[in-house]
Amino acid sequence: MTLLFEHWRELLRSVLGSFAAIFLLLEAIEVLDLGNFSLCPIQFIAIVLVPGTLVFLVDGFWVGGYLKPEVEIPNSVNDTKIKVKFGDIFDQEGWKAIAVNDFFDSRVDEDLVSSKSLHGYVLNTYWKGNRADWTKQVASSLNGLEATLETRSKGKGNRSRYPIGTTARAVSGEQKFLFVSLGETDLSNNETSANAEMLISAVRGLTAEARAACSMDPLAIPLMGTGLARIDTKESVILDLIITAVLEESRNGLVTGEINIVLPDRLKKKINLKNSVRNWSHGK
C-alpha cells in the first residue's frame, strides 16, 4: 500500500492507460457487433483497477524499474557483488564507510563536526560516552601515514591534515567503521567542501583499505558528498561517481565479497535504480 501512495503518479498513469485500452476494446467489440456489454459503474471500475494495478507493478519492478529497492551492478572485473539499494546504512552488515574531514576531528560542536552529518551521528551514537576511544583507534590506524601540520585559526581541532582518501578503522561493539577523508577543511571557518575528483579519490582510498579490513565481510557505502561535503551535482551523478571509483579500485584486486551502496529512502523518487543497471550494462 505504501508503494501505491509513494508512486501515485505512476499508478494513475497505469490506471488511465488501462482504462483507455479497455474502453477502446469494448467499443470495438460493440461496433463490430461481436457482443454487447452492460456493466454497472462498480464493475467497470473494478475491471479497470485490477489490470491498471498489474500494469503498475510490472512496469515498476521489471520495465520502468521505479519500484526496485535493490539492483546489482554488472562487474566484469572480479567476483565482488556490487549492489545499489535503498535503506539505512546502519542496518547493513559488515563494515560501514563514513566520510569525515581531512583532520579527522572528533568534537561534535556544529563547528568542527556537525551533528547532522553521518560523522557526527556516529560519534554521538556509538562513542557518546567514550570519545577518547574513537580518537585512540583512529590515531592508531593513521599512525605513520602522510600528514601535514596546520595552524588552525580558532585554536581547536586536530592539527594533522591528511590527504583525501586516507582511511582509518574504528570499531564500537558489533559496529565496524571505515572513516575516510573526503571534505577539505577551510582553515578560516572550518567548513568542508569537495568535488567530483575528491569523491573518486575518497572512495578509492576507502575501498583500498577495505581490501585489508573487511576479510570478505560486506562493505556498505552511503551516498557520500550530498551533505556537508557540498558536492554540487545531482545525486544520480554522485552515485555513478561512487560506482566508477569502486570498479576502478577493484581492478587492483578483489576487495571483498559484497559492496553495498546504500541510498536514503528519501531519494526513491529521484533515483531509478533500474537506470543504473542500464547505464552500467551498456557495452558489457
Protein backbone atom coordinates (compact mmCIF):
# COMPACT_ATOMS: atom_id res chain seq x y z
CA MET A 1 0.00 0.00 0.00
CA THR A 2 2.91 2.35 0.76
CA LEU A 3 4.21 1.86 -2.78
CA LEU A 4 0.85 2.96 -4.19
CA PHE A 5 0.95 6.23 -2.25
CA GLU A 6 4.63 6.94 -2.94
CA HIS A 7 4.18 6.43 -6.68
CA TRP A 8 0.63 7.65 -7.15
CA ARG A 9 1.52 9.45 -10.39
CA GLU A 10 2.78 6.24 -11.99
CA LEU A 11 -0.25 4.35 -10.61
CA LEU A 12 -2.63 6.94 -12.04
CA ARG A 13 -0.85 6.74 -15.40
CA SER A 14 -1.16 2.94 -15.42
CA VAL A 15 -4.85 3.00 -14.45
CA LEU A 16 -5.72 5.64 -17.05
CA GLY A 17 -3.81 3.72 -19.69
CA SER A 18 -5.68 0.55 -18.79
CA PHE A 19 -8.97 2.44 -18.82
CA ALA A 20 -8.29 3.73 -22.31
CA ALA A 21 -7.26 0.31 -23.61
CA ILE A 22 -10.26 -1.50 -22.10
CA PHE A 23 -12.69 1.20 -23.21
CA LEU A 24 -11.41 1.05 -26.79
CA LEU A 25 -11.61 -2.75 -26.75
CA LEU A 26 -15.22 -2.75 -25.55
CA GLU A 27 -16.16 -0.07 -28.08
CA ALA A 28 -14.53 -2.02 -30.88
CA ILE A 29 -16.42 -5.20 -29.92
CA GLU A 30 -19.73 -3.36 -29.93
CA VAL A 31 -19.02 -1.54 -33.21
CA LEU A 32 -18.15 -4.85 -34.90
CA ASP A 33 -21.36 -6.28 -33.43
CA LEU A 34 -19.41 -9.02 -31.67
CA GLY A 35 -21.13 -8.52 -28.39
CA ASN A 36 -22.99 -6.10 -26.15
CA PHE A 37 -21.70 -5.24 -22.71
CA SER A 38 -23.71 -3.77 -19.89
CA LEU A 39 -21.63 -3.00 -16.84
CA CYS A 40 -22.56 -1.08 -13.73
CA PRO A 41 -20.07 1.64 -12.65
CA ILE A 42 -18.64 -0.52 -9.86
CA GLN A 43 -17.98 -3.42 -12.24
CA PHE A 44 -16.35 -1.14 -14.77
CA ILE A 45 -14.13 0.47 -12.15
CA ALA A 46 -13.12 -2.97 -10.87
CA ILE A 47 -12.08 -4.32 -14.28
CA VAL A 48 -10.07 -1.14 -14.84
CA LEU A 49 -8.34 -1.02 -11.43
CA VAL A 50 -7.17 -4.64 -11.44
CA PRO A 51 -5.30 -4.56 -14.78
CA GLY A 52 -4.17 -1.00 -14.06
CA THR A 53 -2.57 -2.09 -10.80
CA LEU A 54 -0.97 -5.09 -12.52
CA VAL A 55 0.47 -2.82 -15.21
CA PHE A 56 1.79 -0.53 -12.46
CA LEU A 57 3.57 -3.40 -10.69
CA VAL A 58 5.00 -4.95 -13.85
CA ASP A 59 6.22 -1.57 -15.05
CA GLY A 60 7.58 -0.64 -11.62
CA PHE A 61 9.58 -3.81 -10.98
CA TRP A 62 10.52 -5.11 -14.43
CA VAL A 63 10.13 -2.44 -17.13
CA GLY A 64 10.45 1.11 -15.78
CA GLY A 65 12.14 -0.08 -12.59
CA TYR A 66 10.95 2.74 -10.33
CA LEU A 67 9.78 0.25 -7.67
CA LYS A 68 13.03 -1.73 -7.48
CA PRO A 69 14.53 -1.44 -3.96
CA GLU A 70 17.83 -3.09 -4.93
CA VAL A 71 19.87 -3.83 -8.06
CA GLU A 72 23.21 -5.45 -8.81
CA ILE A 73 25.70 -3.54 -10.95
CA PRO A 74 27.50 -5.67 -13.57
CA ASN A 75 31.09 -6.29 -12.51
CA SER A 76 33.33 -7.80 -15.17
CA VAL A 77 36.48 -7.22 -13.10
CA ASN A 78 36.09 -9.88 -10.38
CA ASP A 79 33.53 -11.80 -8.30
CA THR A 80 32.66 -8.96 -5.91
CA LYS A 81 28.91 -8.30 -5.91
CA ILE A 82 28.26 -4.57 -6.23
CA LYS A 83 24.73 -3.67 -5.22
CA VAL A 84 22.81 -0.40 -5.00
CA LYS A 85 19.90 -0.34 -2.61
CA PHE A 86 17.65 1.95 -0.59
CA GLY A 87 17.79 1.69 3.18
CA ASP A 88 19.53 2.67 6.38
CA ILE A 89 23.33 2.45 6.30
CA PHE A 90 23.34 1.39 9.96
CA ASP A 91 21.11 -1.62 9.28
CA GLN A 92 23.69 -3.08 6.91
CA GLU A 93 26.01 -5.93 7.82
CA GLY A 94 29.79 -5.70 7.82
CA TRP A 95 31.89 -2.55 7.61
CA LYS A 96 30.33 0.87 7.07
CA ALA A 97 32.09 3.75 5.34
CA ILE A 98 31.72 7.21 6.89
CA ALA A 99 33.07 10.39 5.30
CA VAL A 100 34.97 12.78 7.58
CA ASN A 101 37.00 15.95 7.15
CA ASP A 102 40.71 15.84 6.39
CA PHE A 103 41.63 16.44 10.05
CA PHE A 104 39.61 13.51 11.43
CA ASP A 105 38.12 15.84 14.04
CA SER A 106 36.15 14.32 16.91
CA ARG A 107 34.45 17.30 18.55
CA VAL A 108 30.77 17.47 17.55
CA ASP A 109 30.12 21.14 18.23
CA GLU A 110 28.46 22.26 14.95
CA ASP A 111 31.78 23.91 14.06
CA LEU A 112 34.38 21.17 13.69
CA VAL A 113 31.83 18.38 13.19
CA SER A 114 28.10 18.82 12.61
CA SER A 115 25.66 16.60 14.47
CA LYS A 116 23.64 16.45 11.23
CA SER A 117 26.44 14.68 9.37
CA LEU A 118 26.94 10.91 9.44
CA HIS A 119 30.31 11.58 11.06
CA GLY A 120 28.65 13.49 13.90
CA TYR A 121 25.84 10.97 14.22
CA VAL A 122 28.26 8.05 14.54
CA LEU A 123 30.35 9.84 17.18
CA ASN A 124 27.29 10.86 19.18
CA THR A 125 25.70 7.42 18.93
CA TYR A 126 28.49 4.86 19.15
CA TRP A 127 31.15 6.82 21.05
CA LYS A 128 28.95 9.18 23.04
CA GLY A 129 30.43 8.30 26.41
CA ASN A 130 33.87 7.32 25.21
CA ARG A 131 35.10 9.77 22.59
CA ALA A 132 38.69 9.10 23.67
CA ASP A 133 38.33 5.52 22.45
CA TRP A 134 37.45 6.71 18.93
CA THR A 135 40.37 9.13 18.95
CA LYS A 136 42.74 6.38 20.09
CA GLN A 137 41.58 3.88 17.46
CA VAL A 138 41.75 6.42 14.65
CA ALA A 139 45.17 7.70 15.74
CA SER A 140 46.49 4.13 15.83
CA SER A 141 45.10 3.46 12.37
CA LEU A 142 46.60 6.67 10.96
CA ASN A 143 49.98 6.17 12.61
CA GLY A 144 52.79 6.52 10.08
CA LEU A 145 50.59 7.85 7.27
CA GLU A 146 51.37 11.07 5.40
CA ALA A 147 50.09 14.25 7.03
CA THR A 148 50.86 17.95 7.22
CA LEU A 149 50.72 20.07 10.37
CA GLU A 150 48.43 23.11 10.20
CA THR A 151 47.76 26.06 12.47
CA ARG A 152 44.01 26.34 12.85
CA SER A 153 42.62 29.84 13.28
CA LYS A 154 40.16 29.02 16.04
CA GLY A 155 42.75 27.21 18.08
CA LYS A 156 40.84 23.94 18.29
CA GLY A 157 40.65 20.69 16.44
CA ASN A 158 43.34 18.30 15.28
CA ARG A 159 46.39 19.82 13.61
CA SER A 160 47.32 16.91 11.34
CA ARG A 161 45.74 17.22 7.90
CA TYR A 162 45.57 14.03 5.83
CA PRO A 163 45.23 13.60 2.06
CA ILE A 164 41.79 12.94 0.61
CA GLY A 165 41.14 9.19 0.61
CA THR A 166 43.06 8.48 3.82
CA THR A 167 41.05 5.90 5.74
CA ALA A 168 41.02 4.90 9.40
CA ARG A 169 39.35 1.97 11.13
CA ALA A 170 37.34 2.10 14.35
CA VAL A 171 35.05 -0.44 16.00
CA SER A 172 32.32 0.01 18.61
CA GLY A 173 30.77 -3.23 19.79
CA GLU A 174 29.35 -5.01 16.74
CA GLN A 175 29.60 -1.88 14.58
CA LYS A 176 32.69 -1.64 12.36
CA PHE A 177 33.54 1.58 10.54
CA LEU A 178 35.94 2.88 7.92
CA PHE A 179 36.31 6.66 8.29
CA VAL A 180 37.53 8.21 5.05
CA SER A 181 38.80 11.74 4.48
CA LEU A 182 36.54 13.36 1.88
CA GLY A 183 35.99 17.01 2.78
CA GLU A 184 38.77 19.58 2.57
CA THR A 185 38.62 21.97 5.51
CA ASP A 186 38.74 25.75 5.08
CA LEU A 187 41.01 26.85 7.94
CA SER A 188 39.29 30.23 8.24
CA ASN A 189 35.86 28.85 9.16
CA ASN A 190 36.20 25.04 9.41
CA GLU A 191 33.75 24.47 6.56
CA THR A 192 34.42 21.43 4.43
CA SER A 193 33.97 21.05 0.68
CA ALA A 194 34.70 18.51 -2.00
CA ASN A 195 34.40 17.98 -5.74
CA ALA A 196 33.94 15.02 -8.07
CA GLU A 197 37.66 14.28 -8.29
CA MET A 198 37.96 14.26 -4.50
CA LEU A 199 34.94 11.96 -4.19
CA ILE A 200 36.53 9.41 -6.53
CA SER A 201 39.81 9.63 -4.60
CA ALA A 202 38.00 9.17 -1.29
CA VAL A 203 36.02 6.13 -2.45
CA ARG A 204 39.12 4.55 -3.99
CA GLY A 205 41.03 5.15 -0.75
CA LEU A 206 38.40 3.56 1.47
CA THR A 207 37.93 0.68 -0.98
CA ALA A 208 41.67 0.00 -0.90
CA GLU A 209 41.60 -0.02 2.91
CA ALA A 210 38.52 -2.26 2.84
CA ARG A 211 40.57 -4.81 0.93
CA ALA A 212 42.69 -5.23 4.06
CA ALA A 213 39.98 -4.64 6.68
CA CYS A 214 36.88 -6.48 5.52
CA SER A 215 38.18 -10.05 5.20
CA MET A 216 35.27 -10.79 2.84
CA ASP A 217 32.72 -9.13 5.13
CA PRO A 218 30.32 -6.81 3.27
CA LEU A 219 31.20 -3.14 2.84
CA ALA A 220 28.40 -0.54 2.97
CA ILE A 221 28.96 2.87 1.38
CA PRO A 222 26.47 5.72 1.82
CA LEU A 223 25.83 8.37 -0.84
CA MET A 224 28.83 10.46 0.15
CA GLY A 225 29.17 14.08 -0.89
CA THR A 226 25.49 15.08 -0.87
CA GLY A 227 25.58 16.61 2.61
CA LEU A 228 28.11 18.88 4.24
CA ALA A 229 30.84 17.83 1.79
CA ARG A 230 28.91 20.11 -0.58
CA ILE A 231 29.49 18.41 -3.93
CA ASP A 232 27.20 20.47 -6.13
CA THR A 233 25.77 17.92 -8.53
CA LYS A 234 22.80 15.57 -8.87
CA GLU A 235 22.52 12.59 -6.57
CA SER A 236 22.37 10.24 -9.57
CA VAL A 237 25.68 11.62 -10.83
CA ILE A 238 27.27 11.18 -7.40
CA LEU A 239 26.03 7.59 -7.39
CA ASP A 240 27.72 6.97 -10.74
CA LEU A 241 30.96 8.51 -9.45
CA ILE A 242 30.94 6.16 -6.45
CA ILE A 243 30.31 3.14 -8.69
CA THR A 244 33.12 4.31 -11.00
CA ALA A 245 35.58 4.57 -8.12
CA VAL A 246 34.62 1.15 -6.73
CA LEU A 247 35.06 -0.52 -10.12
CA GLU A 248 38.36 1.27 -10.79
CA GLU A 249 39.85 0.21 -7.46
CA SER A 250 38.53 -3.32 -7.96
CA ARG A 251 40.89 -3.64 -10.91
CA ASN A 252 43.75 -3.67 -8.39
CA GLY A 253 42.43 -6.84 -6.79
CA LEU A 254 39.43 -8.36 -5.07
CA VAL A 255 38.16 -6.04 -2.33
CA THR A 256 35.57 -8.17 -0.53
CA GLY A 257 32.62 -10.43 -1.23
CA GLU A 258 29.93 -7.74 -1.44
CA ILE A 259 29.86 -3.95 -1.66
CA ASN A 260 26.53 -2.25 -0.99
CA ILE A 261 25.99 1.38 -1.96
CA VAL A 262 23.14 2.45 0.31
CA LEU A 263 20.86 5.34 -0.65
CA PRO A 264 18.47 7.07 1.76
CA ASP A 265 14.78 6.30 1.22
CA ARG A 266 14.07 9.98 0.54
CA LEU A 267 15.74 9.58 -2.86
CA LYS A 268 13.36 6.88 -4.11
CA LYS A 269 11.51 9.43 -6.23
CA LYS A 270 14.72 10.93 -7.61
CA ILE A 271 16.82 7.87 -8.42
CA ASN A 272 15.58 4.97 -10.54
CA LEU A 273 17.84 2.00 -9.74
CA LYS A 274 16.91 0.29 -13.00
CA ASN A 275 18.57 3.17 -14.85
CA SER A 276 21.82 2.46 -13.01
CA VAL A 277 21.78 -1.11 -14.25
CA ARG A 278 21.07 0.08 -17.78
CA ASN A 279 23.91 2.60 -17.64
CA TRP A 280 26.46 0.10 -16.39
CA SER A 281 25.24 -2.76 -18.57
CA HIS A 282 25.90 -0.81 -21.74
CA GLY A 283 28.76 -2.30 -23.68
CA LYS A 284 29.14 -5.26 -21.28
